[in-house]
Amino acid sequence: MAEESEKPKGQAKKILPVLFMALNFLVVGGGAYLAYAGTLGYRTPAMVEADLNRGLIQFQKSLQKPPIIYTFRPFNTNLNGLPRRFIRVQVAVQMYSQAGFEELVTIGARGRDAILRILNSKNFDQINSVQGKLRLKNDIIAYLNKSLRHGVVKNVYFTQFQIQ
């Protein structure tokens, strides 16, 4: 009986190295295949000229669309600081989409209030230079984009800008 119980252990000792070698060959072979497929065997997807032309035509059509611009009524307000300065500004806002334009129209009073608060917080020295006007534009864009949920402001234009 002792001899019979030793036989299966001896056979298991002979089979395990063969199984580990087979498993090792499978793992190394799979790794070699993945390395080949990722480097030398990789084929870039072919672009057809028709696909490129279609993309170019869509891009050209998007450039030809008229801009979506909402013009606020002129703003008359005082600037911050002394001596007291008065500013009259008309702001036109360019939007990326029609949905954003409609959202801007619906929040009309909140948008005007935001722009008025920004104008009231500035003093003459801050907006007298070109850099100051560009900073003012960026402030208006940032504040309007923060208050809009779906629309995005592309640019802000000053169609009238007077300081007294």
N, C-alpha and C. Protein backbone atom coordinates (compact mmCIF):
# COMPACT_ATOMS: atom_id res chain seq x y z
N MET A 1 0.81 -1.19 0.00
CA MET A 1 0.00 0.00 0.00
C MET A 1 0.85 1.25 0.00
N ALA A 2 1.93 1.20 0.67
CA ALA A 2 2.81 2.35 0.72
C ALA A 2 3.38 2.64 -0.65
N GLU A 3 3.60 1.62 -1.43
CA GLU A 3 4.16 1.81 -2.76
C GLU A 3 3.13 2.45 -3.69
N GLU A 4 1.84 2.12 -3.56
CA GLU A 4 0.81 2.65 -4.42
C GLU A 4 0.58 4.15 -4.15
N SER A 5 0.67 4.58 -2.90
CA SER A 5 0.46 5.98 -2.59
C SER A 5 1.63 6.84 -3.05
N GLU A 6 2.80 6.27 -3.20
CA GLU A 6 3.95 7.02 -3.69
C GLU A 6 3.93 7.19 -5.19
N LYS A 7 3.28 6.33 -5.93
CA LYS A 7 3.26 6.41 -7.39
C LYS A 7 2.57 7.68 -7.89
N PRO A 8 1.39 8.03 -7.41
CA PRO A 8 0.77 9.26 -7.91
C PRO A 8 1.60 10.50 -7.59
N LYS A 9 2.25 10.55 -6.49
CA LYS A 9 3.09 11.71 -6.17
C LYS A 9 4.25 11.79 -7.15
N GLY A 10 4.82 10.67 -7.50
CA GLY A 10 5.92 10.65 -8.45
C GLY A 10 5.47 11.08 -9.84
N GLN A 11 4.28 10.68 -10.26
CA GLN A 11 3.75 11.08 -11.57
C GLN A 11 3.43 12.57 -11.58
N ALA A 12 2.93 13.08 -10.45
CA ALA A 12 2.62 14.51 -10.36
C ALA A 12 3.88 15.34 -10.43
N LYS A 13 4.97 14.82 -9.85
CA LYS A 13 6.24 15.54 -9.90
C LYS A 13 6.79 15.59 -11.33
N LYS A 14 6.47 14.59 -12.14
CA LYS A 14 6.93 14.56 -13.52
C LYS A 14 6.06 15.43 -14.42
N ILE A 15 4.75 15.56 -14.13
CA ILE A 15 3.82 16.32 -14.97
C ILE A 15 3.91 17.83 -14.71
N LEU A 16 4.14 18.24 -13.47
CA LEU A 16 4.17 19.67 -13.13
C LEU A 16 5.22 20.45 -13.93
N PRO A 17 6.45 20.01 -14.07
CA PRO A 17 7.41 20.78 -14.87
C PRO A 17 6.99 20.91 -16.33
N VAL A 18 6.38 19.88 -16.87
CA VAL A 18 5.91 19.93 -18.26
C VAL A 18 4.79 20.96 -18.38
N LEU A 19 3.87 20.98 -17.42
CA LEU A 19 2.78 21.97 -17.45
C LEU A 19 3.32 23.40 -17.30
N PHE A 20 4.26 23.59 -16.41
CA PHE A 20 4.83 24.93 -16.24
C PHE A 20 5.59 25.38 -17.49
N MET A 21 6.26 24.45 -18.16
CA MET A 21 6.96 24.81 -19.41
C MET A 21 5.97 25.20 -20.49
N ALA A 22 4.87 24.46 -20.59
CA ALA A 22 3.84 24.79 -21.58
C ALA A 22 3.22 26.15 -21.29
N LEU A 23 2.92 26.39 -20.02
CA LEU A 23 2.36 27.68 -19.62
C LEU A 23 3.35 28.82 -19.91
N ASN A 24 4.63 28.57 -19.64
CA ASN A 24 5.67 29.56 -19.90
C ASN A 24 5.75 29.88 -21.40
N PHE A 25 5.70 28.86 -22.26
CA PHE A 25 5.72 29.08 -23.71
C PHE A 25 4.50 29.89 -24.17
N LEU A 26 3.35 29.61 -23.58
CA LEU A 26 2.15 30.36 -23.95
C LEU A 26 2.27 31.84 -23.56
N VAL A 27 2.76 32.10 -22.37
CA VAL A 27 2.88 33.49 -21.90
C VAL A 27 3.92 34.24 -22.72
N VAL A 28 5.08 33.62 -22.95
CA VAL A 28 6.13 34.27 -23.73
C VAL A 28 5.69 34.47 -25.17
N GLY A 29 5.01 33.48 -25.73
CA GLY A 29 4.51 33.61 -27.11
C GLY A 29 3.47 34.71 -27.22
N GLY A 30 2.56 34.80 -26.24
CA GLY A 30 1.55 35.88 -26.25
C GLY A 30 2.19 37.25 -26.12
N GLY A 31 3.19 37.37 -25.25
CA GLY A 31 3.89 38.65 -25.10
C GLY A 31 4.64 39.03 -26.36
N ALA A 32 5.25 38.05 -27.02
CA ALA A 32 5.97 38.32 -28.27
C ALA A 32 4.99 38.78 -29.34
N TYR A 33 3.81 38.15 -29.41
CA TYR A 33 2.82 38.57 -30.39
C TYR A 33 2.35 40.01 -30.12
N LEU A 34 2.06 40.33 -28.86
CA LEU A 34 1.61 41.68 -28.53
C LEU A 34 2.69 42.72 -28.85
N ALA A 35 3.95 42.38 -28.59
CA ALA A 35 5.04 43.30 -28.92
C ALA A 35 5.12 43.52 -30.42
N TYR A 36 4.98 42.45 -31.19
CA TYR A 36 5.02 42.57 -32.66
C TYR A 36 3.84 43.37 -33.17
N ALA A 37 2.63 43.07 -32.67
CA ALA A 37 1.43 43.76 -33.14
C ALA A 37 1.47 45.23 -32.77
N GLY A 38 2.14 45.58 -31.67
CA GLY A 38 2.20 46.97 -31.25
C GLY A 38 3.30 47.77 -31.92
N THR A 39 4.25 47.13 -32.54
CA THR A 39 5.38 47.86 -33.14
C THR A 39 5.47 47.60 -34.63
N LEU A 40 6.10 46.53 -35.02
CA LEU A 40 6.33 46.25 -36.45
C LEU A 40 5.06 45.87 -37.19
N GLY A 41 4.16 45.19 -36.54
CA GLY A 41 2.95 44.72 -37.20
C GLY A 41 1.82 45.72 -37.20
N TYR A 42 2.03 46.91 -36.62
CA TYR A 42 0.96 47.90 -36.54
C TYR A 42 0.73 48.54 -37.90
N ARG A 43 -0.50 48.59 -38.32
CA ARG A 43 -0.86 49.22 -39.60
C ARG A 43 -1.74 50.43 -39.29
N THR A 44 -1.33 51.57 -39.81
CA THR A 44 -2.14 52.77 -39.59
C THR A 44 -3.41 52.68 -40.42
N PRO A 45 -4.52 53.17 -39.90
CA PRO A 45 -5.74 53.16 -40.69
C PRO A 45 -5.58 54.03 -41.93
N ALA A 46 -6.02 53.53 -43.03
CA ALA A 46 -5.88 54.27 -44.30
C ALA A 46 -6.97 55.32 -44.41
N MET A 47 -6.56 56.55 -44.72
CA MET A 47 -7.51 57.63 -44.95
C MET A 47 -7.75 57.73 -46.45
N VAL A 48 -8.98 57.75 -46.81
CA VAL A 48 -9.33 57.87 -48.21
C VAL A 48 -9.44 59.37 -48.52
N GLU A 49 -9.01 59.73 -49.70
CA GLU A 49 -9.03 61.14 -50.09
C GLU A 49 -10.44 61.72 -50.02
N ALA A 50 -11.44 60.89 -50.30
CA ALA A 50 -12.82 61.36 -50.24
C ALA A 50 -13.19 61.76 -48.81
N ASP A 51 -12.70 61.02 -47.81
CA ASP A 51 -12.97 61.37 -46.41
C ASP A 51 -12.34 62.71 -46.06
N LEU A 52 -11.11 62.92 -46.52
CA LEU A 52 -10.43 64.19 -46.26
C LEU A 52 -11.17 65.36 -46.92
N ASN A 53 -11.61 65.16 -48.15
CA ASN A 53 -12.34 66.22 -48.86
C ASN A 53 -13.66 66.52 -48.17
N ARG A 54 -14.35 65.48 -47.67
CA ARG A 54 -15.61 65.68 -46.98
C ARG A 54 -15.40 66.50 -45.71
N GLY A 55 -14.34 66.20 -44.98
CA GLY A 55 -14.03 66.96 -43.77
C GLY A 55 -13.68 68.41 -44.08
N LEU A 56 -12.94 68.63 -45.17
CA LEU A 56 -12.58 69.99 -45.58
C LEU A 56 -13.82 70.78 -45.98
N ILE A 57 -14.73 70.16 -46.68
CA ILE A 57 -15.97 70.85 -47.10
C ILE A 57 -16.81 71.23 -45.89
N GLN A 58 -16.90 70.33 -44.90
CA GLN A 58 -17.66 70.65 -43.68
C GLN A 58 -17.02 71.80 -42.93
N PHE A 59 -15.70 71.83 -42.87
CA PHE A 59 -15.00 72.91 -42.20
C PHE A 59 -15.24 74.24 -42.91
N GLN A 60 -15.19 74.24 -44.25
CA GLN A 60 -15.43 75.46 -45.00
C GLN A 60 -16.86 75.96 -44.81
N LYS A 61 -17.82 75.04 -44.75
CA LYS A 61 -19.21 75.45 -44.51
C LYS A 61 -19.36 76.08 -43.13
N SER A 62 -18.66 75.53 -42.13
CA SER A 62 -18.77 76.09 -40.78
C SER A 62 -18.17 77.49 -40.73
N LEU A 63 -17.17 77.77 -41.56
CA LEU A 63 -16.58 79.11 -41.59
C LEU A 63 -17.47 80.11 -42.31
N GLN A 64 -18.31 79.64 -43.22
CA GLN A 64 -19.15 80.54 -44.00
C GLN A 64 -20.44 80.92 -43.30
N LYS A 65 -20.77 80.25 -42.20
CA LYS A 65 -21.98 80.58 -41.47
C LYS A 65 -21.85 81.99 -40.89
N PRO A 66 -22.94 82.75 -40.93
CA PRO A 66 -22.86 84.09 -40.32
C PRO A 66 -22.70 83.97 -38.81
N PRO A 67 -21.96 84.91 -38.22
CA PRO A 67 -21.77 84.84 -36.77
C PRO A 67 -23.09 85.09 -36.03
N ILE A 68 -23.21 84.48 -34.87
CA ILE A 68 -24.40 84.64 -34.03
C ILE A 68 -24.06 85.68 -32.97
N ILE A 69 -24.62 86.88 -33.13
CA ILE A 69 -24.25 88.02 -32.27
C ILE A 69 -25.50 88.59 -31.62
N TYR A 70 -25.40 88.81 -30.31
CA TYR A 70 -26.46 89.48 -29.55
C TYR A 70 -25.90 90.82 -29.08
N THR A 71 -26.59 91.90 -29.38
CA THR A 71 -26.14 93.23 -28.98
C THR A 71 -27.00 93.74 -27.83
N PHE A 72 -26.35 94.05 -26.73
CA PHE A 72 -27.05 94.63 -25.58
C PHE A 72 -27.34 96.10 -25.86
N ARG A 73 -28.36 96.62 -25.19
CA ARG A 73 -28.60 98.06 -25.25
C ARG A 73 -27.41 98.77 -24.62
N PRO A 74 -27.17 100.03 -24.96
CA PRO A 74 -26.01 100.73 -24.38
C PRO A 74 -26.07 100.81 -22.86
N PHE A 75 -24.91 100.72 -22.24
CA PHE A 75 -24.78 100.83 -20.79
C PHE A 75 -24.28 102.22 -20.46
N ASN A 76 -24.94 102.88 -19.51
CA ASN A 76 -24.50 104.17 -18.99
C ASN A 76 -24.28 103.98 -17.50
N THR A 77 -23.05 104.15 -17.05
CA THR A 77 -22.77 103.93 -15.63
C THR A 77 -21.54 104.72 -15.22
N ASN A 78 -21.33 104.80 -13.91
CA ASN A 78 -20.15 105.46 -13.37
C ASN A 78 -19.04 104.45 -13.17
N LEU A 79 -17.81 104.93 -13.32
CA LEU A 79 -16.65 104.10 -13.02
C LEU A 79 -16.30 104.25 -11.56
N ASN A 80 -15.55 103.31 -11.05
CA ASN A 80 -15.10 103.33 -9.67
C ASN A 80 -13.96 104.34 -9.54
N GLY A 81 -13.80 104.92 -8.38
CA GLY A 81 -12.68 105.81 -8.09
C GLY A 81 -13.00 107.27 -8.28
N LEU A 82 -12.01 108.09 -7.91
CA LEU A 82 -12.14 109.54 -8.03
C LEU A 82 -11.09 110.04 -9.01
N PRO A 83 -11.29 111.07 -9.74
CA PRO A 83 -12.53 111.81 -9.94
C PRO A 83 -13.58 110.93 -10.63
N ARG A 84 -14.83 111.28 -10.41
CA ARG A 84 -15.92 110.50 -10.96
C ARG A 84 -15.87 110.54 -12.48
N ARG A 85 -15.94 109.38 -13.08
CA ARG A 85 -15.95 109.25 -14.54
C ARG A 85 -17.23 108.52 -14.94
N PHE A 86 -17.72 108.88 -16.09
CA PHE A 86 -18.94 108.32 -16.64
C PHE A 86 -18.56 107.52 -17.89
N ILE A 87 -19.14 106.33 -18.05
CA ILE A 87 -18.84 105.50 -19.21
C ILE A 87 -20.13 105.12 -19.92
N ARG A 88 -20.04 105.13 -21.24
CA ARG A 88 -21.15 104.67 -22.09
C ARG A 88 -20.57 103.61 -23.01
N VAL A 89 -21.11 102.39 -22.89
CA VAL A 89 -20.58 101.24 -23.63
C VAL A 89 -21.73 100.47 -24.25
N GLN A 90 -21.55 100.06 -25.49
CA GLN A 90 -22.48 99.12 -26.10
C GLN A 90 -21.69 97.84 -26.39
N VAL A 91 -22.23 96.73 -25.92
CA VAL A 91 -21.52 95.44 -26.00
C VAL A 91 -22.29 94.51 -26.93
N ALA A 92 -21.55 93.89 -27.86
CA ALA A 92 -22.09 92.85 -28.73
C ALA A 92 -21.38 91.55 -28.36
N VAL A 93 -22.16 90.49 -28.14
CA VAL A 93 -21.62 89.20 -27.69
C VAL A 93 -21.80 88.19 -28.81
N GLN A 94 -20.69 87.57 -29.23
CA GLN A 94 -20.74 86.54 -30.26
C GLN A 94 -20.80 85.18 -29.58
N MET A 95 -21.77 84.36 -30.02
CA MET A 95 -21.99 83.04 -29.43
C MET A 95 -21.56 81.95 -30.41
N TYR A 96 -21.28 80.76 -29.87
CA TYR A 96 -20.90 79.62 -30.71
C TYR A 96 -22.10 78.95 -31.35
N SER A 97 -23.26 78.97 -30.67
CA SER A 97 -24.41 78.23 -31.19
C SER A 97 -25.69 79.05 -31.02
N GLN A 98 -26.70 78.64 -31.78
CA GLN A 98 -28.00 79.28 -31.70
C GLN A 98 -28.64 79.04 -30.33
N ALA A 99 -28.42 77.86 -29.77
CA ALA A 99 -28.98 77.56 -28.44
C ALA A 99 -28.38 78.48 -27.39
N GLY A 100 -27.09 78.77 -27.49
CA GLY A 100 -26.45 79.69 -26.56
C GLY A 100 -26.98 81.10 -26.72
N PHE A 101 -27.25 81.50 -27.96
CA PHE A 101 -27.83 82.82 -28.24
C PHE A 101 -29.19 82.94 -27.57
N GLU A 102 -30.02 81.91 -27.70
CA GLU A 102 -31.35 81.94 -27.10
C GLU A 102 -31.27 81.98 -25.58
N GLU A 103 -30.30 81.27 -25.03
CA GLU A 103 -30.13 81.30 -23.57
C GLU A 103 -29.69 82.69 -23.11
N LEU A 104 -28.81 83.33 -23.86
CA LEU A 104 -28.36 84.68 -23.51
C LEU A 104 -29.52 85.67 -23.57
N VAL A 105 -30.38 85.51 -24.57
CA VAL A 105 -31.54 86.39 -24.68
C VAL A 105 -32.48 86.19 -23.49
N THR A 106 -32.65 84.95 -23.05
CA THR A 106 -33.58 84.70 -21.95
C THR A 106 -33.04 85.19 -20.61
N ILE A 107 -31.71 85.23 -20.42
CA ILE A 107 -31.18 85.74 -19.16
C ILE A 107 -30.89 87.23 -19.25
N GLY A 108 -31.37 87.90 -20.26
CA GLY A 108 -31.08 89.29 -20.56
C GLY A 108 -30.75 90.19 -19.39
N ALA A 109 -31.63 90.30 -18.40
CA ALA A 109 -31.42 91.21 -17.27
C ALA A 109 -30.23 90.78 -16.42
N ARG A 110 -30.07 89.47 -16.21
CA ARG A 110 -28.92 89.00 -15.43
C ARG A 110 -27.61 89.28 -16.15
N GLY A 111 -27.62 89.14 -17.48
CA GLY A 111 -26.42 89.45 -18.26
C GLY A 111 -26.07 90.93 -18.20
N ARG A 112 -27.08 91.78 -18.33
CA ARG A 112 -26.84 93.23 -18.22
C ARG A 112 -26.32 93.59 -16.84
N ASP A 113 -26.92 93.00 -15.82
CA ASP A 113 -26.48 93.27 -14.45
C ASP A 113 -25.03 92.84 -14.25
N ALA A 114 -24.66 91.71 -14.79
CA ALA A 114 -23.28 91.23 -14.66
C ALA A 114 -22.31 92.20 -15.32
N ILE A 115 -22.65 92.65 -16.51
CA ILE A 115 -21.77 93.59 -17.22
C ILE A 115 -21.69 94.92 -16.47
N LEU A 116 -22.82 95.39 -15.94
CA LEU A 116 -22.80 96.64 -15.17
C LEU A 116 -21.93 96.52 -13.92
N ARG A 117 -22.00 95.38 -13.23
CA ARG A 117 -21.16 95.19 -12.05
C ARG A 117 -19.68 95.19 -12.41
N ILE A 118 -19.37 94.57 -13.53
CA ILE A 118 -17.97 94.56 -13.97
C ILE A 118 -17.50 95.97 -14.30
N LEU A 119 -18.35 96.74 -15.02
CA LEU A 119 -17.98 98.11 -15.37
C LEU A 119 -17.85 98.98 -14.12
N ASN A 120 -18.76 98.81 -13.15
CA ASN A 120 -18.70 99.61 -11.92
C ASN A 120 -17.47 99.30 -11.09
N SER A 121 -16.94 98.11 -11.20
CA SER A 121 -15.77 97.74 -10.40
C SER A 121 -14.46 98.26 -10.99
N LYS A 122 -14.47 98.73 -12.22
CA LYS A 122 -13.25 99.21 -12.87
C LYS A 122 -13.09 100.72 -12.66
N ASN A 123 -11.83 101.16 -12.59
CA ASN A 123 -11.59 102.59 -12.57
C ASN A 123 -11.00 103.03 -13.91
N PHE A 124 -10.85 104.32 -14.11
CA PHE A 124 -10.43 104.87 -15.39
C PHE A 124 -9.07 104.33 -15.82
N ASP A 125 -8.13 104.23 -14.90
CA ASP A 125 -6.79 103.77 -15.25
C ASP A 125 -6.78 102.32 -15.71
N GLN A 126 -7.71 101.51 -15.21
CA GLN A 126 -7.75 100.10 -15.58
C GLN A 126 -8.25 99.87 -17.00
N ILE A 127 -9.10 100.75 -17.52
CA ILE A 127 -9.68 100.51 -18.85
C ILE A 127 -9.28 101.55 -19.87
N ASN A 128 -8.39 102.45 -19.53
CA ASN A 128 -8.00 103.49 -20.46
C ASN A 128 -7.10 102.95 -21.58
N SER A 129 -6.28 101.96 -21.29
CA SER A 129 -5.35 101.43 -22.28
C SER A 129 -5.99 100.30 -23.09
N VAL A 130 -5.32 99.91 -24.15
CA VAL A 130 -5.79 98.80 -24.98
C VAL A 130 -5.79 97.50 -24.18
N GLN A 131 -4.73 97.30 -23.37
CA GLN A 131 -4.66 96.10 -22.54
C GLN A 131 -5.81 96.08 -21.54
N GLY A 132 -6.18 97.24 -21.03
CA GLY A 132 -7.29 97.32 -20.09
C GLY A 132 -8.61 96.94 -20.74
N LYS A 133 -8.80 97.38 -21.98
CA LYS A 133 -10.03 97.03 -22.70
C LYS A 133 -10.07 95.53 -22.99
N LEU A 134 -8.93 94.96 -23.33
CA LEU A 134 -8.87 93.51 -23.56
C LEU A 134 -9.15 92.74 -22.27
N ARG A 135 -8.63 93.23 -21.15
CA ARG A 135 -8.90 92.61 -19.86
C ARG A 135 -10.40 92.71 -19.52
N LEU A 136 -10.99 93.86 -19.84
CA LEU A 136 -12.42 94.05 -19.61
C LEU A 136 -13.23 93.06 -20.45
N LYS A 137 -12.83 92.87 -21.71
CA LYS A 137 -13.49 91.88 -22.58
C LYS A 137 -13.41 90.49 -21.96
N ASN A 138 -12.21 90.12 -21.51
CA ASN A 138 -12.03 88.79 -20.92
C ASN A 138 -12.85 88.61 -19.66
N ASP A 139 -12.97 89.67 -18.85
CA ASP A 139 -13.79 89.60 -17.64
C ASP A 139 -15.26 89.37 -18.00
N ILE A 140 -15.73 90.07 -19.03
CA ILE A 140 -17.12 89.93 -19.45
C ILE A 140 -17.36 88.53 -20.00
N ILE A 141 -16.44 88.03 -20.82
CA ILE A 141 -16.58 86.68 -21.38
C ILE A 141 -16.62 85.65 -20.26
N ALA A 142 -15.69 85.77 -19.31
CA ALA A 142 -15.62 84.79 -18.21
C ALA A 142 -16.90 84.82 -17.38
N TYR A 143 -17.39 86.01 -17.05
CA TYR A 143 -18.57 86.10 -16.20
C TYR A 143 -19.82 85.58 -16.92
N LEU A 144 -19.96 85.92 -18.21
CA LEU A 144 -21.13 85.44 -18.96
C LEU A 144 -21.06 83.92 -19.13
N ASN A 145 -19.88 83.38 -19.42
CA ASN A 145 -19.76 81.93 -19.56
C ASN A 145 -20.07 81.21 -18.25
N LYS A 146 -19.74 81.86 -17.12
CA LYS A 146 -20.04 81.26 -15.83
C LYS A 146 -21.54 81.27 -15.56
N SER A 147 -22.24 82.27 -16.05
CA SER A 147 -23.67 82.36 -15.77
C SER A 147 -24.53 81.59 -16.77
N LEU A 148 -23.97 81.23 -17.93
CA LEU A 148 -24.72 80.45 -18.91
C LEU A 148 -24.55 78.96 -18.62
N ARG A 149 -25.63 78.21 -18.83
CA ARG A 149 -25.56 76.77 -18.57
C ARG A 149 -25.13 76.00 -19.82
N HIS A 150 -25.70 76.34 -20.97
CA HIS A 150 -25.45 75.56 -22.18
C HIS A 150 -24.65 76.35 -23.22
N GLY A 151 -24.86 77.62 -23.29
CA GLY A 151 -24.20 78.44 -24.30
C GLY A 151 -22.78 78.81 -23.90
N VAL A 152 -22.00 79.15 -24.91
CA VAL A 152 -20.62 79.56 -24.69
C VAL A 152 -20.37 80.84 -25.48
N VAL A 153 -19.81 81.84 -24.81
CA VAL A 153 -19.50 83.10 -25.45
C VAL A 153 -18.17 82.95 -26.18
N LYS A 154 -18.19 83.30 -27.46
CA LYS A 154 -16.98 83.20 -28.27
C LYS A 154 -16.15 84.47 -28.16
N ASN A 155 -16.79 85.62 -28.26
CA ASN A 155 -16.07 86.88 -28.22
C ASN A 155 -17.01 88.00 -27.79
N VAL A 156 -16.44 89.09 -27.37
CA VAL A 156 -17.20 90.28 -26.99
C VAL A 156 -16.64 91.45 -27.80
N TYR A 157 -17.53 92.24 -28.36
CA TYR A 157 -17.12 93.40 -29.15
C TYR A 157 -17.72 94.66 -28.52
N PHE A 158 -16.93 95.72 -28.47
CA PHE A 158 -17.43 97.01 -28.02
C PHE A 158 -17.79 97.80 -29.26
N THR A 159 -19.08 98.03 -29.49
CA THR A 159 -19.49 98.80 -30.66
C THR A 159 -19.54 100.29 -30.33
N GLN A 160 -19.55 100.61 -29.06
CA GLN A 160 -19.49 102.00 -28.62
C GLN A 160 -18.75 102.03 -27.30
N PHE A 161 -17.80 102.94 -27.16
CA PHE A 161 -17.00 103.00 -25.93
C PHE A 161 -16.60 104.46 -25.69
N GLN A 162 -17.30 105.10 -24.76
CA GLN A 162 -17.03 106.51 -24.46
C GLN A 162 -16.83 106.68 -22.96
N ILE A 163 -15.79 107.45 -22.60
CA ILE A 163 -15.55 107.75 -21.20
C ILE A 163 -15.46 109.25 -21.05
N GLN A 164 -16.15 109.80 -20.04
CA GLN A 164 -16.06 111.25 -19.75
C GLN A 164 -15.54 111.46 -18.37
